[in-house]
Amino acid sequence: MRSKLSIAAATGAAALLLTATAPSSAAAPQGAQNLGDPDYGVCRGTDSRCYHDWGNFDPAKGYKLLVYSRTAGPRHAHLGTPLAPGLNPPLNDDNVAVKAVVKLGQENGFAVDYTEDVTQLSSAGRLLSYNAVMFLSTTRDTLDDAAQTSLRQYVRAGGGFIGVHNAFGTEYNWPWYEGLLGNANFYDHSANQPGTVVTVNRRDASTQGLPRTWAFTDEWYNLVPYPTRVRVLAEVDEDTLTRGVRGSLGHPGHGDHHPVSWCQYYDGGKAWLTTLGHDVKAWTDEPMDGDQYFVQHLLGGVKSVLGMAPFCR
């Protein structure tokens, strides 16, 4: 039988260990915690073995991007007037974000089609004519059942996905899509205000040549859940947000690591994501601090998903 002395010694050692390892309130991390890490039942993360290189995309045929910007809820000003049905309908002067992406393609060697017609996404075979699909500030339940099925089959066939800004406010109740976003969803945002973007990883095609920090204005998205198993490319420094990071629904922000861009392999495909792009000026020639870096960042991400540059380095 153990003596009272040895039991007391063991108890004291355990208490000392707990005291030494328990975090103090002063050292507690800032921002929202315990935001969940759901299991989506797919291969996901930064391991390229999650990618299905099944030969569906031939570089000899060139590179082609489909931009989808249908909204089934609030519509961002950078999208402008809703587009007519069909593929590549006439653009209005206020469709500045779509026009900017089309121009990027014209200047950088890839073709761009665009639509807000969900029937254009009804077939995985049709989507496979594109190296990547961009959801550009789509909103709420923007896909029907046929489009959901074809998007999933397209990604599983090695297709590429680019989610920009309110792509995070889309298809809230579809877990597979939440995983495609990197295990992340828009919850709320701070005031639209200037802040400092920190380039976390400068090896990726979307971050090469960017300064370590750069000024930008956005409605900085707070996320629930918080991205996991992804390669974070850029963050916002919450200390530079003079109007605070707290969102309209009470989210306290993410503290020292508040991601705004990341990439991953997911369920056979590739996904590059950014919450940036709210301000109309970011998509036009009207001057705004950091808009050239935003465009450079976006272009690099698009080219990496299309296959024109290495992906998620």
Protein backbone atom coordinates (compact mmCIF):
# COMPACT_ATOMS: atom_id res chain seq x y z
CA MET A 1 0.00 0.00 0.00
CA ARG A 2 1.33 3.47 -0.91
CA SER A 3 2.14 5.70 2.04
CA LYS A 4 0.34 8.94 2.71
CA LEU A 5 3.64 10.69 2.12
CA SER A 6 4.05 9.30 -1.43
CA ILE A 7 0.41 10.08 -2.25
CA ALA A 8 0.84 13.65 -1.03
CA ALA A 9 4.02 14.02 -3.08
CA ALA A 10 2.28 12.78 -6.22
CA THR A 11 -0.69 15.06 -5.61
CA GLY A 12 1.60 18.03 -5.14
CA ALA A 13 3.51 17.28 -8.33
CA ALA A 14 0.26 17.00 -10.30
CA ALA A 15 -0.95 20.31 -8.90
CA LEU A 16 2.36 21.94 -9.85
CA LEU A 17 2.09 20.54 -13.39
CA LEU A 18 -1.43 21.86 -13.79
CA THR A 19 -0.37 25.25 -12.51
CA ALA A 20 2.56 25.37 -14.92
CA THR A 21 0.59 24.30 -18.00
CA ALA A 22 -2.77 25.97 -17.51
CA PRO A 23 -3.03 29.19 -19.57
CA SER A 24 -3.44 32.37 -17.62
CA SER A 25 -6.24 34.76 -18.46
CA ALA A 26 -3.62 37.24 -19.66
CA ALA A 27 -2.33 34.75 -22.21
CA ALA A 28 -5.75 33.68 -23.50
CA PRO A 29 -6.06 33.99 -27.28
CA GLN A 30 -8.10 36.86 -28.63
CA GLY A 31 -11.02 36.54 -31.00
CA ALA A 32 -13.61 33.87 -31.57
CA GLN A 33 -12.59 30.36 -30.47
CA ASN A 34 -13.88 26.81 -30.96
CA LEU A 35 -15.49 27.51 -34.31
CA GLY A 36 -15.72 23.89 -35.38
CA ASP A 37 -13.90 21.54 -37.72
CA PRO A 38 -16.56 19.43 -39.46
CA ASP A 39 -15.60 16.26 -41.29
CA TYR A 40 -16.90 16.55 -44.85
CA GLY A 41 -15.99 12.97 -45.77
CA VAL A 42 -13.66 13.97 -48.61
CA CYS A 43 -9.93 14.21 -49.18
CA ARG A 44 -9.04 17.83 -48.44
CA GLY A 45 -6.08 19.93 -47.44
CA THR A 46 -2.71 20.92 -48.89
CA ASP A 47 -1.63 17.42 -49.96
CA SER A 48 -1.68 17.23 -53.77
CA ARG A 49 -2.64 13.56 -53.53
CA CYS A 50 -6.18 14.85 -52.90
CA TYR A 51 -6.22 16.06 -56.51
CA HIS A 52 -7.69 13.89 -59.29
CA ASP A 53 -5.34 14.35 -62.23
CA TRP A 54 -7.49 12.39 -64.63
CA GLY A 55 -6.53 14.19 -67.84
CA ASN A 56 -9.72 16.21 -68.22
CA PHE A 57 -7.87 19.46 -69.02
CA ASP A 58 -5.48 19.72 -71.97
CA PRO A 59 -3.20 22.79 -71.83
CA ALA A 60 -2.86 22.59 -75.62
CA LYS A 61 -6.50 23.66 -75.84
CA GLY A 62 -5.86 26.82 -73.86
CA TYR A 63 -7.33 27.98 -70.57
CA LYS A 64 -10.92 28.94 -69.94
CA LEU A 65 -12.74 30.40 -66.92
CA LEU A 66 -16.48 30.53 -66.20
CA VAL A 67 -17.61 33.40 -63.96
CA TYR A 68 -20.89 32.81 -62.13
CA SER A 69 -22.42 35.78 -60.30
CA ARG A 70 -26.09 34.91 -59.74
CA THR A 71 -27.58 36.33 -56.54
CA ALA A 72 -30.56 34.94 -54.64
CA GLY A 73 -30.39 37.56 -51.91
CA PRO A 74 -28.58 40.86 -51.30
CA ARG A 75 -26.51 41.98 -54.27
CA HIS A 76 -23.15 43.73 -54.02
CA ALA A 77 -22.72 47.01 -55.84
CA HIS A 78 -19.69 45.73 -57.75
CA LEU A 79 -21.99 43.24 -59.53
CA GLY A 80 -24.30 45.98 -60.77
CA THR A 81 -27.50 45.27 -62.69
CA PRO A 82 -28.56 41.59 -62.82
CA LEU A 83 -27.52 39.98 -66.09
CA ALA A 84 -29.90 38.65 -68.71
CA PRO A 85 -30.24 34.86 -69.11
CA GLY A 86 -27.82 32.84 -71.16
CA LEU A 87 -24.07 32.85 -71.60
CA ASN A 88 -22.18 36.12 -72.07
CA PRO A 89 -25.16 38.51 -72.19
CA PRO A 90 -24.46 42.23 -72.81
CA LEU A 91 -22.73 43.90 -69.86
CA ASN A 92 -23.87 47.19 -68.39
CA ASP A 93 -21.56 49.96 -67.22
CA ASP A 94 -22.18 48.99 -63.59
CA ASN A 95 -21.21 45.31 -64.01
CA VAL A 96 -17.72 46.35 -63.00
CA ALA A 97 -16.49 43.14 -61.31
CA VAL A 98 -17.42 40.86 -64.19
CA LYS A 99 -15.95 43.33 -66.67
CA ALA A 100 -12.72 43.43 -64.67
CA VAL A 101 -12.35 39.64 -64.76
CA VAL A 102 -13.06 39.56 -68.49
CA LYS A 103 -10.34 42.19 -68.97
CA LEU A 104 -7.89 40.16 -66.87
CA GLY A 105 -8.46 37.22 -69.18
CA GLN A 106 -7.96 39.32 -72.30
CA GLU A 107 -4.68 40.69 -70.97
CA ASN A 108 -3.31 37.44 -69.54
CA GLY A 109 -4.05 34.72 -72.02
CA PHE A 110 -7.18 32.98 -70.78
CA ALA A 111 -10.74 33.05 -72.09
CA VAL A 112 -13.61 34.15 -69.85
CA ASP A 113 -17.29 33.30 -70.14
CA TYR A 114 -19.79 34.68 -67.64
CA THR A 115 -23.37 34.01 -66.64
CA GLU A 116 -26.03 34.41 -63.98
CA ASP A 117 -28.17 31.69 -65.56
CA VAL A 118 -28.17 28.61 -63.32
CA THR A 119 -29.05 26.36 -66.27
CA GLN A 120 -25.56 27.01 -67.63
CA LEU A 121 -24.27 24.97 -64.66
CA SER A 122 -26.68 22.08 -65.07
CA SER A 123 -24.21 19.64 -66.62
CA ALA A 124 -20.82 18.48 -65.32
CA GLY A 125 -19.87 17.75 -68.91
CA ARG A 126 -20.50 21.36 -69.83
CA LEU A 127 -18.46 22.59 -66.87
CA LEU A 128 -15.55 20.38 -67.93
CA SER A 129 -15.01 22.70 -70.88
CA TYR A 130 -13.69 25.17 -68.28
CA ASN A 131 -10.46 24.84 -66.35
CA ALA A 132 -12.04 26.70 -63.43
CA VAL A 133 -15.34 28.13 -62.22
CA MET A 134 -15.40 31.39 -60.27
CA PHE A 135 -18.23 32.22 -57.89
CA LEU A 136 -18.11 36.02 -57.83
CA SER A 137 -20.15 37.44 -54.93
CA THR A 138 -22.93 34.93 -55.42
CA THR A 139 -25.55 35.07 -52.69
CA ARG A 140 -27.63 32.55 -50.71
CA ASP A 141 -29.17 29.56 -52.53
CA THR A 142 -27.86 30.41 -55.96
CA LEU A 143 -27.82 26.81 -57.26
CA ASP A 144 -30.61 24.36 -57.93
CA ASP A 145 -30.27 20.61 -57.46
CA ALA A 146 -28.94 19.97 -60.95
CA ALA A 147 -26.28 22.67 -60.61
CA GLN A 148 -25.22 21.40 -57.18
CA THR A 149 -24.76 17.91 -58.58
CA SER A 150 -22.82 19.06 -61.63
CA LEU A 151 -20.54 21.35 -59.58
CA ARG A 152 -19.66 18.49 -57.26
CA GLN A 153 -19.01 16.06 -60.11
CA TYR A 154 -16.94 18.71 -61.91
CA VAL A 155 -14.73 19.29 -58.86
CA ARG A 156 -14.34 15.54 -58.36
CA ALA A 157 -13.14 15.32 -61.97
CA GLY A 158 -10.25 17.66 -61.14
CA GLY A 159 -12.05 20.94 -61.78
CA GLY A 160 -10.98 24.23 -60.27
CA PHE A 161 -12.99 26.56 -58.04
CA ILE A 162 -12.37 30.22 -57.20
CA GLY A 163 -14.50 31.82 -54.51
CA VAL A 164 -14.47 35.61 -54.30
CA HIS A 165 -16.00 37.78 -51.56
CA ASN A 166 -19.65 36.83 -51.08
CA ALA A 167 -19.10 33.35 -52.43
CA PHE A 168 -18.81 32.90 -48.65
CA GLY A 169 -22.41 34.03 -48.24
CA THR A 170 -23.68 31.32 -50.55
CA GLU A 171 -25.28 27.87 -50.11
CA TYR A 172 -25.13 28.09 -46.31
CA ASN A 173 -27.00 24.83 -45.82
CA TRP A 174 -24.92 22.66 -48.14
CA PRO A 175 -22.07 21.11 -46.11
CA TRP A 176 -20.06 20.00 -49.15
CA TYR A 177 -19.90 23.59 -50.38
CA GLU A 178 -18.80 24.81 -46.96
CA GLY A 179 -15.93 22.34 -47.19
CA LEU A 180 -15.10 23.60 -50.68
CA LEU A 181 -14.63 27.04 -49.12
CA GLY A 182 -12.05 25.52 -46.79
CA ASN A 183 -14.35 24.78 -43.86
CA ALA A 184 -15.44 28.40 -43.71
CA ASN A 185 -18.55 30.54 -44.05
CA PHE A 186 -19.36 34.22 -43.78
CA TYR A 187 -20.91 35.05 -40.42
CA ASP A 188 -20.80 38.85 -40.26
CA HIS A 189 -18.40 41.66 -41.07
CA SER A 190 -16.93 44.76 -39.55
CA ALA A 191 -17.54 48.24 -40.87
CA ASN A 192 -16.26 48.85 -44.40
CA GLN A 193 -12.92 50.49 -43.56
CA PRO A 194 -9.22 50.68 -44.40
CA GLY A 195 -6.94 48.04 -42.94
CA THR A 196 -3.58 46.39 -43.50
CA VAL A 197 -3.34 43.08 -45.34
CA VAL A 198 -0.41 40.90 -44.29
CA THR A 199 1.00 38.62 -46.98
CA VAL A 200 1.56 35.43 -44.98
CA ASN A 201 2.92 33.15 -47.68
CA ARG A 202 4.95 34.72 -50.51
CA ARG A 203 5.71 31.51 -52.43
CA ASP A 204 2.28 31.06 -53.97
CA ALA A 205 1.50 32.33 -57.47
CA SER A 206 -1.07 34.67 -55.90
CA THR A 207 1.37 36.23 -53.44
CA GLN A 208 4.67 36.36 -55.32
CA GLY A 209 5.72 39.96 -55.75
CA LEU A 210 3.27 41.30 -53.19
CA PRO A 211 4.67 43.46 -50.40
CA ARG A 212 4.76 42.01 -46.92
CA THR A 213 1.97 44.42 -45.92
CA TRP A 214 -0.37 46.52 -48.01
CA ALA A 215 -3.27 48.87 -47.40
CA PHE A 216 -6.75 47.91 -48.56
CA THR A 217 -10.36 48.77 -47.80
CA ASP A 218 -12.99 46.10 -47.27
CA GLU A 219 -15.85 44.94 -45.08
CA TRP A 220 -13.62 42.45 -43.29
CA TYR A 221 -15.40 39.11 -43.06
CA ASN A 222 -15.67 37.24 -39.77
CA LEU A 223 -16.06 33.51 -40.29
CA VAL A 224 -17.95 30.60 -38.74
CA PRO A 225 -16.56 28.03 -39.06
CA TYR A 226 -12.92 29.03 -39.40
CA PRO A 227 -10.81 27.61 -42.25
CA THR A 228 -8.83 24.48 -41.44
CA ARG A 229 -6.37 22.26 -43.32
CA VAL A 230 -5.76 25.08 -45.81
CA ARG A 231 -2.71 27.13 -46.78
CA VAL A 232 -3.36 30.65 -45.55
CA LEU A 233 -2.03 33.20 -48.01
CA ALA A 234 -3.04 36.54 -46.51
CA GLU A 235 -4.53 37.92 -43.30
CA VAL A 236 -5.81 41.27 -42.09
CA ASP A 237 -4.10 42.90 -39.13
CA GLU A 238 -7.05 43.56 -36.84
CA ASP A 239 -5.07 46.20 -34.92
CA THR A 240 -5.18 48.42 -38.02
CA LEU A 241 -8.99 48.48 -38.16
CA THR A 242 -9.72 51.80 -36.45
CA ARG A 243 -13.47 51.16 -36.38
CA GLY A 244 -12.98 47.74 -34.85
CA VAL A 245 -13.37 44.20 -36.09
CA ARG A 246 -16.57 43.32 -34.22
CA GLY A 247 -19.29 42.32 -36.65
CA SER A 248 -22.92 43.35 -36.91
CA LEU A 249 -24.01 40.05 -35.29
CA GLY A 250 -21.49 40.25 -32.47
CA HIS A 251 -18.58 38.22 -33.84
CA PRO A 252 -15.43 39.44 -32.01
CA GLY A 253 -13.04 38.75 -34.88
CA HIS A 254 -10.20 36.23 -35.07
CA GLY A 255 -7.41 37.92 -33.16
CA ASP A 256 -3.83 37.54 -34.33
CA HIS A 257 -4.70 35.33 -37.30
CA HIS A 258 -7.64 36.66 -39.31
CA PRO A 259 -7.37 35.04 -42.76
CA VAL A 260 -8.62 36.75 -45.91
CA SER A 261 -7.21 34.38 -48.58
CA TRP A 262 -6.25 30.70 -48.68
CA CYS A 263 -6.06 27.66 -50.94
CA GLN A 264 -6.59 23.90 -50.74
CA TYR A 265 -7.21 20.67 -52.61
CA TYR A 266 -10.74 19.41 -52.09
CA ASP A 267 -12.59 16.25 -53.14
CA GLY A 268 -10.43 15.83 -56.24
CA GLY A 269 -10.30 19.48 -57.27
CA LYS A 270 -8.52 22.74 -56.50
CA ALA A 271 -9.93 25.75 -54.66
CA TRP A 272 -8.52 29.26 -54.18
CA LEU A 273 -10.55 31.52 -51.90
CA THR A 274 -10.58 35.17 -50.88
CA THR A 275 -13.02 37.21 -48.81
CA LEU A 276 -11.67 40.43 -50.33
CA GLY A 277 -13.29 42.48 -53.09
CA HIS A 278 -16.19 44.39 -51.56
CA ASP A 279 -15.46 47.93 -52.71
CA VAL A 280 -16.46 48.95 -56.24
CA LYS A 281 -13.15 50.80 -56.56
CA ALA A 282 -11.27 47.52 -56.24
CA TRP A 283 -12.67 46.53 -59.64
CA THR A 284 -12.30 49.81 -61.52
CA ASP A 285 -9.61 52.30 -62.50
CA GLU A 286 -10.77 54.67 -59.77
CA PRO A 287 -7.85 54.98 -57.34
CA MET A 288 -7.96 53.08 -54.04
CA ASP A 289 -5.07 52.14 -51.78
CA GLY A 290 -3.91 48.62 -52.53
CA ASP A 291 -6.27 47.92 -55.42
CA GLN A 292 -3.34 47.01 -57.68
CA TYR A 293 -2.19 44.42 -55.14
CA PHE A 294 -5.69 42.99 -54.86
CA VAL A 295 -5.88 42.56 -58.64
CA GLN A 296 -2.39 41.02 -58.71
CA HIS A 297 -3.38 38.65 -55.90
CA LEU A 298 -6.61 37.62 -57.61
CA LEU A 299 -4.93 37.15 -60.99
CA GLY A 300 -2.27 34.89 -59.50
CA GLY A 301 -4.93 32.82 -57.78
CA VAL A 302 -6.94 32.47 -60.98
CA LYS A 303 -3.91 31.45 -63.01
CA SER A 304 -2.91 28.85 -60.42
CA VAL A 305 -6.35 27.22 -60.45
CA LEU A 306 -6.55 27.32 -64.24
CA GLY A 307 -3.25 25.45 -64.43
CA MET A 308 -1.20 28.32 -65.84
CA ALA A 309 0.96 28.50 -62.69
CA PRO A 310 1.83 26.18 -59.78
CA PHE A 311 -1.05 25.73 -57.36
CA CYS A 312 -1.13 26.37 -53.62
CA ARG A 313 2.62 26.58 -52.94
